[in-house]
Amino acid sequence: MTSTPEQTDRWKALDFSPPNDSAAPGDPVLLEYEDDGRVAVISLNSPPDNAITTEMGARLTEVLESIAVRPAVRVAVITGAGGHAFSVGSDLRQRKNMTKEQWLRQRQDFDRTLYTLRQLRKPIFAAVNGVAYGGGSEVAQSTDFIIASDNATFGQPEAMIGLAAGGGSPVFLPRVLPPGKAMQMLLTGDPIGAEEAHRLGMVNEVYPQSELMDAALCIAKKIASNSPTAVQAVKRAARMGEGQPIEQAIAIMMEAHWRSAVHPDRIEGIGAFNDGRDPDFQDADY
């Protein structure tokens, strides 16, 4: 006689269930351009949950690599398709019947995706429009900063399914949240909402969901209007200097500063200020 599995409330707080078996859309990651091609908008595209499959991870790597070598792109925004989720993380339906070898291969593929995201010279930020759990939250944490809709939630439920988080959250969460709160999230799997994430410093700004992408594009266009060479240089200085002794961090900063000081954009920017006009900055040459 087959027994019926006992029902549990364990997963209710996570606000999502295993993905259904409906066919996924043709392209798991969408790439669009705004502001005359200077702003790239990346959408994780497997609604409603935007669970990350092997195919989505590979496509996201490809998209990031294409943005990296496209000189006209000055800034990127990553978000989720639909209104429910940014991404709930790895597709556990796809993982259910994986062999150990298949699992490890997918893990290597995902590592490459996250590395490519972290190493992008151009600024990239997340517009989190709903649930961001597990690897989905870690994608957001791997960007330069996060803005969110008022219905967004962030969580690391890996321990609840027998995994230690492996996409960056044990490194990033204690840097953007009070260490004790970060540890509580990692150990319990309990999520936090957008307002709490904003109050604690993980999220820069919170908007009504209907206004999120307009706000994201406004921020992106402001970044794109600045010198891309200076923007990339100061991003590198901030990233490379993090955690370094003060004088080492200052040396990294000064290398970036002097590189911008001899660049034509400095002359253009100061000239535009004195002429009372908008500057016409060159696309970055590195």
Protein backbone atom coordinates (compact mmCIF):
# COMPACT_ATOMS: atom_id res chain seq x y z
CA MET A 1 0.00 0.00 0.00
CA THR A 2 1.39 3.37 -1.01
CA SER A 3 1.30 6.04 1.68
CA THR A 4 0.53 9.66 0.91
CA PRO A 5 3.37 12.05 1.78
CA GLU A 6 2.53 14.10 4.85
CA GLN A 7 1.76 17.72 3.97
CA THR A 8 3.92 20.48 5.45
CA ASP A 9 3.90 24.23 5.91
CA ARG A 10 7.68 24.32 5.46
CA TRP A 11 7.60 26.01 2.05
CA LYS A 12 4.75 28.49 2.52
CA ALA A 13 6.96 31.45 3.45
CA LEU A 14 8.82 31.16 0.15
CA ASP A 15 5.81 32.26 -1.93
CA PHE A 16 6.47 29.91 -4.83
CA SER A 17 6.14 26.23 -5.70
CA PRO A 18 7.96 23.90 -8.06
CA PRO A 19 7.70 25.12 -11.68
CA ASN A 20 4.92 23.62 -13.73
CA ASP A 21 5.54 21.54 -16.83
CA SER A 22 4.41 24.15 -19.34
CA ALA A 23 6.77 24.87 -22.19
CA ALA A 24 9.34 27.55 -21.53
CA PRO A 25 9.50 30.55 -23.89
CA GLY A 26 11.84 30.35 -26.84
CA ASP A 27 14.54 32.65 -25.51
CA PRO A 28 15.27 32.27 -21.77
CA VAL A 29 17.02 35.65 -21.61
CA LEU A 30 15.84 38.72 -23.52
CA LEU A 31 18.15 41.56 -24.51
CA GLU A 32 16.83 44.96 -25.55
CA TYR A 33 18.50 48.32 -26.03
CA GLU A 34 17.34 51.77 -24.93
CA ASP A 35 18.70 55.32 -25.18
CA ASP A 36 20.13 54.90 -28.70
CA GLY A 37 21.81 51.63 -27.75
CA ARG A 38 23.63 52.98 -24.71
CA VAL A 39 21.46 51.10 -22.19
CA ALA A 40 21.11 47.30 -22.32
CA VAL A 41 18.06 45.79 -20.61
CA ILE A 42 18.40 42.09 -19.75
CA SER A 43 15.28 40.14 -18.77
CA LEU A 44 15.31 36.65 -17.27
CA ASN A 45 12.48 35.19 -19.29
CA SER A 46 10.73 32.15 -17.89
CA PRO A 47 7.70 33.58 -16.08
CA PRO A 48 6.10 33.44 -13.67
CA ASP A 49 9.09 32.34 -11.55
CA ASN A 50 12.01 32.85 -13.97
CA ALA A 51 13.72 29.75 -12.58
CA ILE A 52 17.29 29.44 -13.84
CA THR A 53 17.80 26.43 -16.08
CA THR A 54 21.05 25.30 -17.66
CA GLU A 55 19.88 26.96 -20.86
CA MET A 56 19.08 30.25 -19.14
CA GLY A 57 22.48 30.32 -17.47
CA ALA A 58 24.27 29.70 -20.76
CA ARG A 59 22.23 32.37 -22.53
CA LEU A 60 22.86 34.89 -19.75
CA THR A 61 26.61 34.29 -20.07
CA GLU A 62 26.35 34.87 -23.83
CA VAL A 63 24.36 38.08 -23.33
CA LEU A 64 26.83 39.46 -20.78
CA GLU A 65 29.77 38.65 -23.03
CA SER A 66 28.10 40.41 -25.97
CA ILE A 67 27.46 43.51 -23.85
CA ALA A 68 31.08 43.51 -22.68
CA VAL A 69 32.43 43.85 -26.23
CA ARG A 70 29.80 46.24 -27.61
CA PRO A 71 31.38 49.71 -27.28
CA ALA A 72 28.09 51.61 -27.57
CA VAL A 73 26.65 49.97 -24.43
CA ARG A 74 27.47 52.07 -21.37
CA VAL A 75 25.29 50.49 -18.69
CA ALA A 76 23.09 47.42 -18.23
CA VAL A 77 19.98 46.68 -16.18
CA ILE A 78 18.93 43.13 -15.31
CA THR A 79 15.36 42.29 -14.31
CA GLY A 80 12.80 39.49 -14.49
CA ALA A 81 9.99 39.02 -17.00
CA GLY A 82 6.45 39.16 -15.67
CA GLY A 83 5.22 40.64 -12.42
CA HIS A 84 5.81 37.85 -9.90
CA ALA A 85 9.54 37.20 -9.76
CA PHE A 86 12.99 38.47 -10.57
CA SER A 87 14.09 34.83 -10.27
CA VAL A 88 13.44 32.09 -7.74
CA GLY A 89 16.89 30.63 -8.40
CA SER A 90 17.83 27.31 -9.96
CA ASP A 91 15.09 25.27 -11.60
CA LEU A 92 14.64 22.44 -9.09
CA ARG A 93 12.37 20.57 -11.49
CA GLN A 94 15.27 20.32 -13.95
CA ARG A 95 17.64 19.32 -11.15
CA LYS A 96 15.37 16.65 -9.69
CA ASN A 97 16.63 13.78 -11.85
CA MET A 98 20.16 15.01 -12.57
CA THR A 99 23.10 12.68 -12.08
CA LYS A 100 26.00 13.87 -9.95
CA GLU A 101 28.00 14.57 -13.12
CA GLN A 102 25.16 16.60 -14.66
CA TRP A 103 24.76 18.57 -11.45
CA LEU A 104 28.47 19.40 -11.27
CA ARG A 105 28.54 20.39 -14.93
CA GLN A 106 25.60 22.74 -14.42
CA ARG A 107 27.29 24.16 -11.33
CA GLN A 108 30.42 24.92 -13.38
CA ASP A 109 28.28 26.60 -16.03
CA PHE A 110 26.56 28.75 -13.41
CA ASP A 111 29.93 29.67 -11.88
CA ARG A 112 31.01 30.98 -15.28
CA THR A 113 27.82 33.03 -15.57
CA LEU A 114 28.26 34.67 -12.19
CA TYR A 115 31.96 35.27 -12.80
CA THR A 116 31.17 36.97 -16.12
CA LEU A 117 28.59 39.14 -14.34
CA ARG A 118 30.97 40.13 -11.54
CA GLN A 119 33.82 40.89 -13.96
CA LEU A 120 31.81 43.11 -16.31
CA ARG A 121 33.69 46.42 -16.62
CA LYS A 122 30.53 48.31 -17.48
CA PRO A 123 28.11 49.19 -14.69
CA ILE A 124 25.22 46.79 -14.27
CA PHE A 125 22.47 46.94 -11.68
CA ALA A 126 19.45 44.85 -10.78
CA ALA A 127 15.84 46.00 -10.89
CA VAL A 128 14.27 43.34 -8.68
CA ASN A 129 10.57 43.15 -9.48
CA GLY A 130 9.35 40.43 -7.13
CA VAL A 131 10.70 37.23 -5.61
CA ALA A 132 14.50 36.90 -5.63
CA TYR A 133 15.56 33.66 -4.00
CA GLY A 134 18.63 31.46 -4.06
CA GLY A 135 20.60 31.94 -7.25
CA GLY A 136 18.18 34.67 -8.31
CA SER A 137 19.04 36.75 -5.27
CA GLU A 138 22.72 35.98 -5.86
CA VAL A 139 22.50 37.29 -9.44
CA ALA A 140 21.16 40.56 -8.00
CA GLN A 141 23.86 40.62 -5.31
CA SER A 142 26.54 40.15 -7.99
CA THR A 143 25.61 43.43 -9.70
CA ASP A 144 26.83 46.89 -8.71
CA PHE A 145 23.66 47.82 -6.83
CA ILE A 146 20.00 46.89 -6.46
CA ILE A 147 16.74 48.80 -6.74
CA ALA A 148 13.49 46.99 -6.09
CA SER A 149 9.72 47.06 -6.33
CA ASP A 150 7.73 47.28 -3.13
CA ASN A 151 6.63 43.64 -3.49
CA ALA A 152 10.19 42.30 -3.83
CA THR A 153 11.53 39.70 -1.41
CA PHE A 154 15.04 38.37 -0.98
CA GLY A 155 15.93 34.97 0.43
CA GLN A 156 18.54 32.22 0.52
CA PRO A 157 16.57 29.01 1.11
CA GLU A 158 19.38 26.66 0.03
CA ALA A 159 19.85 25.17 3.51
CA MET A 160 16.15 24.24 3.52
CA ILE A 161 16.75 21.85 0.61
CA GLY A 162 20.07 20.47 1.87
CA LEU A 163 22.52 22.81 0.13
CA ALA A 164 25.06 25.36 1.29
CA ALA A 165 24.56 28.50 -0.80
CA GLY A 166 27.20 28.61 -3.53
CA GLY A 167 26.46 31.58 -5.78
CA GLY A 168 27.94 34.35 -3.67
CA SER A 169 25.48 35.07 -0.85
CA PRO A 170 27.76 33.86 2.00
CA VAL A 171 30.27 36.42 0.70
CA PHE A 172 27.97 39.29 -0.32
CA LEU A 173 25.18 39.26 2.27
CA PRO A 174 27.47 39.98 5.27
CA ARG A 175 28.83 42.97 3.30
CA VAL A 176 25.46 44.54 2.49
CA LEU A 177 23.53 43.55 5.63
CA PRO A 178 24.41 43.46 9.32
CA PRO A 179 26.42 40.23 9.66
CA GLY A 180 24.01 38.72 12.16
CA LYS A 181 21.02 39.33 9.88
CA ALA A 182 22.90 37.87 6.94
CA MET A 183 23.75 34.77 8.96
CA GLN A 184 20.15 34.39 10.11
CA MET A 185 18.94 34.47 6.49
CA LEU A 186 21.53 31.90 5.40
CA LEU A 187 20.81 29.54 8.30
CA THR A 188 17.01 29.74 8.39
CA GLY A 189 16.13 30.40 4.75
CA ASP A 190 13.69 33.09 5.88
CA PRO A 191 13.27 35.92 3.33
CA ILE A 192 13.14 39.66 3.91
CA GLY A 193 10.96 42.18 2.11
CA ALA A 194 11.99 45.16 0.03
CA GLU A 195 11.44 47.74 2.76
CA GLU A 196 13.57 45.84 5.27
CA ALA A 197 16.25 45.23 2.64
CA HIS A 198 16.22 48.99 1.95
CA ARG A 199 16.35 49.90 5.63
CA LEU A 200 19.35 47.60 6.16
CA GLY A 201 21.24 48.84 3.10
CA MET A 202 20.93 45.94 0.67
CA VAL A 203 18.56 47.84 -1.65
CA ASN A 204 19.19 51.44 -2.71
CA GLU A 205 15.66 52.49 -3.62
CA VAL A 206 12.13 51.03 -3.53
CA TYR A 207 9.35 51.86 -6.03
CA PRO A 208 5.80 50.73 -6.73
CA GLN A 209 6.08 47.80 -9.11
CA SER A 210 4.47 49.73 -11.97
CA GLU A 211 7.16 52.43 -11.68
CA LEU A 212 10.23 50.23 -11.23
CA MET A 213 11.45 49.96 -14.81
CA ASP A 214 10.86 53.66 -15.52
CA ALA A 215 13.01 54.43 -12.47
CA ALA A 216 15.64 51.91 -13.60
CA LEU A 217 15.84 53.47 -17.04
CA CYS A 218 16.11 56.95 -15.53
CA ILE A 219 19.10 55.84 -13.43
CA ALA A 220 20.64 53.99 -16.37
CA LYS A 221 20.31 56.98 -18.70
CA LYS A 222 21.95 59.22 -16.09
CA ILE A 223 24.91 56.81 -15.89
CA ALA A 224 25.02 56.56 -19.70
CA SER A 225 25.22 60.36 -19.98
CA ASN A 226 28.52 60.36 -18.06
CA SER A 227 31.94 59.54 -19.45
CA PRO A 228 31.97 55.74 -19.93
CA THR A 229 35.74 55.73 -19.51
CA ALA A 230 35.48 57.53 -16.17
CA VAL A 231 32.54 55.39 -15.05
CA GLN A 232 34.36 52.15 -15.80
CA ALA A 233 37.55 53.41 -14.17
CA VAL A 234 35.85 54.45 -10.95
CA LYS A 235 33.90 51.18 -10.80
CA ARG A 236 37.17 49.25 -11.12
CA ALA A 237 38.81 51.40 -8.43
CA ALA A 238 35.93 50.83 -6.01
CA ARG A 239 35.83 47.09 -6.69
CA MET A 240 39.57 46.47 -6.64
CA GLY A 241 40.12 48.65 -3.60
CA GLU A 242 37.47 46.94 -1.49
CA GLY A 243 39.04 45.22 1.50
CA GLN A 244 42.54 46.49 0.72
CA PRO A 245 44.71 48.46 3.17
CA ILE A 246 44.01 52.19 2.83
CA GLU A 247 47.18 53.12 0.97
CA GLN A 248 46.82 50.18 -1.43
CA ALA A 249 43.23 51.21 -2.14
CA ILE A 250 44.37 54.82 -2.67
CA ALA A 251 47.01 53.62 -5.15
CA ILE A 252 44.36 51.71 -7.12
CA MET A 253 42.13 54.79 -7.08
CA MET A 254 44.93 57.08 -8.29
CA GLU A 255 45.76 54.79 -11.20
CA ALA A 256 42.14 55.11 -12.33
CA HIS A 257 42.16 58.84 -11.70
CA TRP A 258 45.27 59.51 -13.78
CA ARG A 259 43.99 57.35 -16.60
CA SER A 260 40.87 59.52 -16.76
CA ALA A 261 42.87 62.74 -16.34
CA VAL A 262 44.73 62.20 -19.62
CA HIS A 263 41.66 61.03 -21.53
CA PRO A 264 39.88 63.34 -24.04
CA ASP A 265 36.66 63.00 -22.03
CA ARG A 266 38.17 65.21 -19.31
CA ILE A 267 38.67 68.04 -21.81
CA GLU A 268 35.19 67.51 -23.24
CA GLY A 269 33.54 67.43 -19.83
CA ILE A 270 35.21 70.59 -18.53
CA GLY A 271 34.57 72.33 -21.84
CA ALA A 272 30.88 71.39 -21.73
CA PHE A 273 30.58 72.71 -18.17
CA ASN A 274 32.11 76.05 -19.09
CA ASP A 275 30.05 76.32 -22.29
CA GLY A 276 26.80 75.42 -20.53
CA ARG A 277 26.09 72.50 -22.86
CA ASP A 278 25.75 68.71 -22.67
CA PRO A 279 29.04 66.86 -23.09
CA ASP A 280 29.61 64.51 -26.01
CA PHE A 281 31.67 61.72 -24.47
CA GLN A 282 33.36 59.04 -26.53
CA ASP A 283 32.51 55.37 -26.21
CA ALA A 284 34.99 53.67 -23.91
CA ASP A 285 38.10 52.42 -25.69
CA TYR A 286 38.86 49.59 -23.24
